[in-house]
């Protein structure tokens, strides 16, 4: 139940952020649900591998390279999900930052902690 709640919250946030940001397009709510599921899967399977391979760069940049990895995950999601479009790398980076911050805020408000 907790996982379904997180997917639903992420889908709603993806829709809201896409309405606010130029350069991010989501066709409909089912597309946003698909984006939330694919982002979760990419964060679970692909992101740890990317973090491991880029560990020296991440340490050298004091963790700031993780923002680049998050943007790459968003662009991968853009590649896999039809109806979800991100115009550029910088848009993907800003989208990932806003999505992460808004998820943290919503989870704090609802009391849903990791």
N, C-alpha and C. Protein backbone atom coordinates (compact mmCIF):
# COMPACT_ATOMS: atom_id res chain seq x y z
N UNK A 1 0.83 -1.20 0.00
CA UNK A 1 0.00 0.00 0.00
C UNK A 1 0.87 1.26 0.00
N UNK A 2 1.97 1.19 0.76
CA UNK A 2 2.88 2.32 0.83
C UNK A 2 3.51 2.60 -0.53
N UNK A 3 3.84 1.54 -1.26
CA UNK A 3 4.43 1.69 -2.59
C UNK A 3 3.44 2.32 -3.56
N UNK A 4 2.19 1.90 -3.52
CA UNK A 4 1.17 2.48 -4.39
C UNK A 4 0.95 3.97 -4.08
N UNK A 5 0.99 4.31 -2.79
CA UNK A 5 0.86 5.71 -2.38
C UNK A 5 2.02 6.54 -2.95
N UNK A 6 3.23 6.02 -2.86
CA UNK A 6 4.39 6.74 -3.38
C UNK A 6 4.32 6.90 -4.90
N UNK A 7 3.87 5.87 -5.60
CA UNK A 7 3.75 5.95 -7.06
C UNK A 7 2.70 6.98 -7.44
N UNK A 8 1.58 6.99 -6.74
CA UNK A 8 0.52 7.96 -7.01
C UNK A 8 0.99 9.39 -6.74
N UNK A 9 1.69 9.60 -5.62
CA UNK A 9 2.22 10.94 -5.30
C UNK A 9 3.21 11.39 -6.36
N UNK A 10 4.10 10.49 -6.77
CA UNK A 10 5.09 10.84 -7.79
C UNK A 10 4.40 11.17 -9.11
N UNK A 11 3.38 10.43 -9.48
CA UNK A 11 2.66 10.70 -10.73
C UNK A 11 2.00 12.08 -10.68
N UNK A 12 1.39 12.40 -9.56
CA UNK A 12 0.75 13.72 -9.42
C UNK A 12 1.79 14.83 -9.49
N UNK A 13 2.92 14.63 -8.82
CA UNK A 13 3.99 15.64 -8.85
C UNK A 13 4.57 15.80 -10.25
N UNK A 14 4.71 14.70 -10.98
CA UNK A 14 5.21 14.78 -12.36
C UNK A 14 4.25 15.61 -13.21
N UNK A 15 2.96 15.39 -13.04
CA UNK A 15 1.97 16.18 -13.79
C UNK A 15 2.04 17.66 -13.44
N UNK A 16 2.12 17.95 -12.15
CA UNK A 16 2.15 19.35 -11.70
C UNK A 16 3.42 20.05 -12.19
N UNK A 17 4.55 19.39 -12.05
CA UNK A 17 5.81 20.00 -12.48
C UNK A 17 5.82 20.18 -14.00
N UNK A 18 5.27 19.24 -14.73
CA UNK A 18 5.22 19.38 -16.19
C UNK A 18 4.34 20.55 -16.62
N UNK A 19 3.27 20.82 -15.86
CA UNK A 19 2.42 21.98 -16.18
C UNK A 19 3.15 23.29 -15.92
N UNK A 20 4.02 23.30 -14.89
CA UNK A 20 4.72 24.52 -14.51
C UNK A 20 5.95 24.78 -15.38
N UNK A 21 6.71 23.73 -15.67
CA UNK A 21 7.99 23.88 -16.38
C UNK A 21 7.81 23.85 -17.89
N UNK A 22 8.51 24.74 -18.54
CA UNK A 22 8.61 24.67 -19.99
C UNK A 22 9.66 23.62 -20.31
N UNK A 23 9.43 22.88 -21.36
CA UNK A 23 10.41 21.87 -21.77
C UNK A 23 10.10 20.48 -21.26
N UNK A 24 9.09 20.34 -20.42
CA UNK A 24 8.66 19.02 -19.94
C UNK A 24 7.20 18.85 -20.33
N UNK A 25 6.91 17.75 -21.02
CA UNK A 25 5.55 17.49 -21.46
C UNK A 25 5.12 16.10 -21.02
N UNK A 26 3.92 16.02 -20.45
CA UNK A 26 3.30 14.75 -20.10
C UNK A 26 1.91 14.78 -20.72
N UNK A 27 1.60 13.74 -21.51
CA UNK A 27 0.34 13.73 -22.25
C UNK A 27 -0.89 13.60 -21.35
N UNK A 28 -0.88 12.63 -20.44
CA UNK A 28 -2.06 12.40 -19.61
C UNK A 28 -1.64 11.74 -18.30
N UNK A 29 -2.62 11.49 -17.43
CA UNK A 29 -2.32 10.95 -16.11
C UNK A 29 -1.75 9.54 -16.18
N UNK A 30 -2.22 8.74 -17.12
CA UNK A 30 -1.68 7.38 -17.23
C UNK A 30 -0.20 7.41 -17.65
N UNK A 31 0.16 8.39 -18.45
CA UNK A 31 1.57 8.58 -18.81
C UNK A 31 2.37 8.96 -17.58
N UNK A 32 1.81 9.82 -16.73
CA UNK A 32 2.49 10.20 -15.49
C UNK A 32 2.66 9.00 -14.56
N UNK A 33 1.66 8.13 -14.51
CA UNK A 33 1.78 6.90 -13.72
C UNK A 33 2.89 6.01 -14.28
N UNK A 34 2.96 5.90 -15.59
CA UNK A 34 4.02 5.12 -16.22
C UNK A 34 5.38 5.73 -15.93
N UNK A 35 5.48 7.05 -15.98
CA UNK A 35 6.74 7.74 -15.66
C UNK A 35 7.14 7.44 -14.21
N UNK A 36 6.19 7.48 -13.29
CA UNK A 36 6.50 7.20 -11.89
C UNK A 36 7.01 5.78 -11.71
N UNK A 37 6.40 4.83 -12.38
CA UNK A 37 6.83 3.42 -12.26
C UNK A 37 8.20 3.23 -12.90
N UNK A 38 8.41 3.78 -14.09
CA UNK A 38 9.70 3.63 -14.77
C UNK A 38 10.80 4.34 -13.99
N UNK A 39 10.52 5.52 -13.44
CA UNK A 39 11.52 6.21 -12.61
C UNK A 39 11.89 5.36 -11.40
N UNK A 40 10.90 4.75 -10.78
CA UNK A 40 11.18 3.89 -9.64
C UNK A 40 12.05 2.71 -10.02
N UNK A 41 11.75 2.08 -11.15
CA UNK A 41 12.54 0.94 -11.60
C UNK A 41 13.96 1.36 -11.99
N UNK A 42 14.09 2.47 -12.69
CA UNK A 42 15.42 2.96 -13.07
C UNK A 42 16.24 3.33 -11.84
N UNK A 43 15.59 3.97 -10.86
CA UNK A 43 16.30 4.32 -9.63
C UNK A 43 16.71 3.09 -8.84
N UNK A 44 15.95 2.01 -8.97
CA UNK A 44 16.26 0.79 -8.22
C UNK A 44 17.34 -0.05 -8.91
N UNK A 45 17.28 -0.15 -10.24
CA UNK A 45 18.19 -1.04 -10.94
C UNK A 45 19.39 -0.34 -11.59
N UNK A 46 19.17 0.79 -12.25
CA UNK A 46 20.22 1.43 -13.04
C UNK A 46 21.06 2.41 -12.22
N UNK A 47 20.41 3.19 -11.37
CA UNK A 47 21.12 4.24 -10.64
C UNK A 47 22.26 3.69 -9.76
N UNK A 48 22.08 2.59 -9.03
CA UNK A 48 23.22 2.09 -8.24
C UNK A 48 24.44 1.71 -9.09
N UNK A 49 24.19 1.19 -10.28
CA UNK A 49 25.30 0.84 -11.18
C UNK A 49 26.01 2.09 -11.64
N UNK A 50 25.24 3.13 -12.02
CA UNK A 50 25.85 4.39 -12.44
C UNK A 50 26.63 5.03 -11.31
N UNK A 51 26.09 4.99 -10.11
CA UNK A 51 26.79 5.57 -8.96
C UNK A 51 28.09 4.82 -8.70
N UNK A 52 28.07 3.51 -8.81
CA UNK A 52 29.27 2.72 -8.59
C UNK A 52 30.35 3.03 -9.62
N UNK A 53 29.95 3.11 -10.90
CA UNK A 53 30.94 3.39 -11.95
C UNK A 53 31.49 4.81 -11.89
N UNK A 54 30.71 5.74 -11.37
CA UNK A 54 31.16 7.14 -11.32
C UNK A 54 31.58 7.56 -9.91
N UNK A 55 31.86 6.60 -9.06
CA UNK A 55 32.22 6.91 -7.68
C UNK A 55 33.41 7.86 -7.56
N UNK A 56 34.51 7.68 -8.31
CA UNK A 56 35.62 8.64 -8.18
C UNK A 56 35.22 10.08 -8.51
N UNK A 57 34.42 10.24 -9.58
CA UNK A 57 33.97 11.58 -9.96
C UNK A 57 33.03 12.14 -8.90
N UNK A 58 32.18 11.30 -8.36
CA UNK A 58 31.24 11.73 -7.32
C UNK A 58 31.98 12.18 -6.08
N UNK A 59 33.00 11.45 -5.69
CA UNK A 59 33.80 11.84 -4.52
C UNK A 59 34.54 13.13 -4.80
N UNK A 60 35.12 13.25 -5.99
CA UNK A 60 35.88 14.45 -6.36
C UNK A 60 34.99 15.69 -6.36
N UNK A 61 33.75 15.55 -6.79
CA UNK A 61 32.84 16.70 -6.84
C UNK A 61 32.01 16.85 -5.56
N UNK A 62 32.36 16.09 -4.54
CA UNK A 62 31.68 16.13 -3.25
C UNK A 62 30.18 15.81 -3.38
N UNK A 63 29.86 14.89 -4.28
CA UNK A 63 28.49 14.43 -4.43
C UNK A 63 27.65 15.18 -5.44
N UNK A 64 28.18 16.25 -5.99
CA UNK A 64 27.39 17.03 -6.95
C UNK A 64 27.16 16.29 -8.26
N UNK A 65 28.01 15.31 -8.56
CA UNK A 65 27.81 14.54 -9.79
C UNK A 65 26.54 13.69 -9.73
N UNK A 66 26.02 13.47 -8.54
CA UNK A 66 24.75 12.73 -8.41
C UNK A 66 23.61 13.48 -9.10
N UNK A 67 23.71 14.80 -9.18
CA UNK A 67 22.70 15.58 -9.93
C UNK A 67 22.73 15.21 -11.40
N UNK A 68 23.93 14.99 -11.94
CA UNK A 68 24.07 14.59 -13.34
C UNK A 68 23.46 13.21 -13.54
N UNK A 69 23.69 12.31 -12.58
CA UNK A 69 23.12 10.96 -12.68
C UNK A 69 21.60 11.02 -12.62
N UNK A 70 21.06 11.86 -11.75
CA UNK A 70 19.59 12.02 -11.68
C UNK A 70 19.03 12.54 -13.00
N UNK A 71 19.71 13.50 -13.61
CA UNK A 71 19.27 14.03 -14.91
C UNK A 71 19.34 12.94 -15.98
N UNK A 72 20.37 12.11 -15.93
CA UNK A 72 20.50 11.01 -16.89
C UNK A 72 19.36 10.00 -16.71
N UNK A 73 18.95 9.76 -15.47
CA UNK A 73 17.83 8.86 -15.21
C UNK A 73 16.54 9.44 -15.80
N UNK A 74 16.34 10.75 -15.66
CA UNK A 74 15.16 11.40 -16.24
C UNK A 74 15.19 11.28 -17.76
N UNK A 75 16.35 11.47 -18.37
CA UNK A 75 16.46 11.36 -19.82
C UNK A 75 16.25 9.91 -20.28
N UNK A 76 16.69 8.95 -19.49
CA UNK A 76 16.41 7.54 -19.82
C UNK A 76 14.90 7.28 -19.76
N UNK A 77 14.26 7.83 -18.77
CA UNK A 77 12.81 7.68 -18.65
C UNK A 77 12.12 8.32 -19.86
N UNK A 78 12.61 9.46 -20.28
CA UNK A 78 12.08 10.12 -21.48
C UNK A 78 12.21 9.21 -22.69
N UNK A 79 13.31 8.49 -22.77
CA UNK A 79 13.54 7.58 -23.89
C UNK A 79 12.58 6.38 -23.88
N UNK A 80 12.27 5.87 -22.70
CA UNK A 80 11.46 4.66 -22.58
C UNK A 80 9.95 4.91 -22.59
N UNK A 81 9.50 6.08 -22.15
CA UNK A 81 8.06 6.32 -21.98
C UNK A 81 7.56 7.24 -23.10
N UNK A 82 6.64 6.73 -23.89
CA UNK A 82 6.00 7.55 -24.92
C UNK A 82 5.01 8.51 -24.23
N UNK A 83 5.00 9.74 -24.69
CA UNK A 83 4.10 10.74 -24.11
C UNK A 83 4.77 11.56 -23.02
N UNK A 84 6.01 11.24 -22.70
CA UNK A 84 6.81 12.01 -21.73
C UNK A 84 8.00 12.55 -22.48
N UNK A 85 8.14 13.88 -22.49
CA UNK A 85 9.20 14.50 -23.26
C UNK A 85 9.91 15.55 -22.42
N UNK A 86 11.23 15.47 -22.39
CA UNK A 86 12.08 16.45 -21.72
C UNK A 86 12.98 17.04 -22.80
N UNK A 87 13.01 18.37 -22.91
CA UNK A 87 13.65 19.00 -24.06
C UNK A 87 15.18 18.98 -24.01
N UNK A 88 15.80 19.07 -22.82
CA UNK A 88 17.26 19.14 -22.77
C UNK A 88 17.79 18.55 -21.47
N UNK A 89 19.11 18.42 -21.42
CA UNK A 89 19.76 17.91 -20.23
C UNK A 89 19.52 18.82 -19.03
N UNK A 90 19.62 20.12 -19.24
CA UNK A 90 19.46 21.08 -18.14
C UNK A 90 18.02 21.10 -17.64
N UNK A 91 17.09 20.92 -18.53
CA UNK A 91 15.68 20.80 -18.12
C UNK A 91 15.49 19.55 -17.29
N UNK A 92 16.13 18.45 -17.70
CA UNK A 92 16.05 17.21 -16.95
C UNK A 92 16.66 17.37 -15.56
N UNK A 93 17.77 18.10 -15.47
CA UNK A 93 18.41 18.32 -14.17
C UNK A 93 17.50 19.14 -13.25
N UNK A 94 16.93 20.21 -13.78
CA UNK A 94 16.03 21.04 -12.98
C UNK A 94 14.78 20.26 -12.59
N UNK A 95 14.24 19.48 -13.52
CA UNK A 95 13.08 18.64 -13.24
C UNK A 95 13.38 17.65 -12.11
N UNK A 96 14.55 17.01 -12.16
CA UNK A 96 14.89 16.03 -11.12
C UNK A 96 15.07 16.69 -9.77
N UNK A 97 15.64 17.87 -9.74
CA UNK A 97 15.81 18.59 -8.47
C UNK A 97 14.46 18.97 -7.89
N UNK A 98 13.58 19.54 -8.72
CA UNK A 98 12.26 19.95 -8.24
C UNK A 98 11.45 18.73 -7.80
N UNK A 99 11.52 17.64 -8.57
CA UNK A 99 10.79 16.43 -8.21
C UNK A 99 11.28 15.85 -6.89
N UNK A 100 12.57 15.80 -6.70
CA UNK A 100 13.13 15.27 -5.45
C UNK A 100 12.73 16.12 -4.25
N UNK A 101 12.85 17.42 -4.40
CA UNK A 101 12.49 18.32 -3.28
C UNK A 101 11.00 18.25 -2.97
N UNK A 102 10.17 18.22 -4.00
CA UNK A 102 8.73 18.17 -3.76
C UNK A 102 8.31 16.82 -3.18
N UNK A 103 8.95 15.73 -3.60
CA UNK A 103 8.65 14.43 -3.00
C UNK A 103 9.03 14.43 -1.52
N UNK A 104 10.18 14.97 -1.19
CA UNK A 104 10.59 15.04 0.21
C UNK A 104 9.61 15.85 1.03
N UNK A 105 9.17 16.97 0.49
CA UNK A 105 8.21 17.83 1.19
C UNK A 105 6.88 17.12 1.40
N UNK A 106 6.36 16.48 0.37
CA UNK A 106 5.07 15.78 0.49
C UNK A 106 5.18 14.62 1.46
N UNK A 107 6.27 13.87 1.41
CA UNK A 107 6.44 12.74 2.32
C UNK A 107 6.59 13.21 3.77
N UNK A 108 7.19 14.35 3.98
CA UNK A 108 7.29 14.91 5.34
C UNK A 108 5.91 15.33 5.84
N UNK A 109 5.12 15.94 4.98
CA UNK A 109 3.80 16.40 5.37
C UNK A 109 2.87 15.22 5.68
N UNK A 110 2.95 14.18 4.85
CA UNK A 110 2.06 13.04 5.04
C UNK A 110 2.58 12.04 6.07
N UNK A 111 3.80 12.24 6.53
CA UNK A 111 4.37 11.33 7.53
C UNK A 111 4.86 10.04 6.95
N UNK A 112 5.01 9.98 5.65
CA UNK A 112 5.48 8.76 4.97
C UNK A 112 6.99 8.86 4.82
N UNK A 113 7.73 8.31 5.78
CA UNK A 113 9.18 8.37 5.72
C UNK A 113 9.73 7.05 5.22
N UNK A 114 10.95 7.10 4.73
CA UNK A 114 11.58 5.88 4.18
C UNK A 114 11.99 4.92 5.25
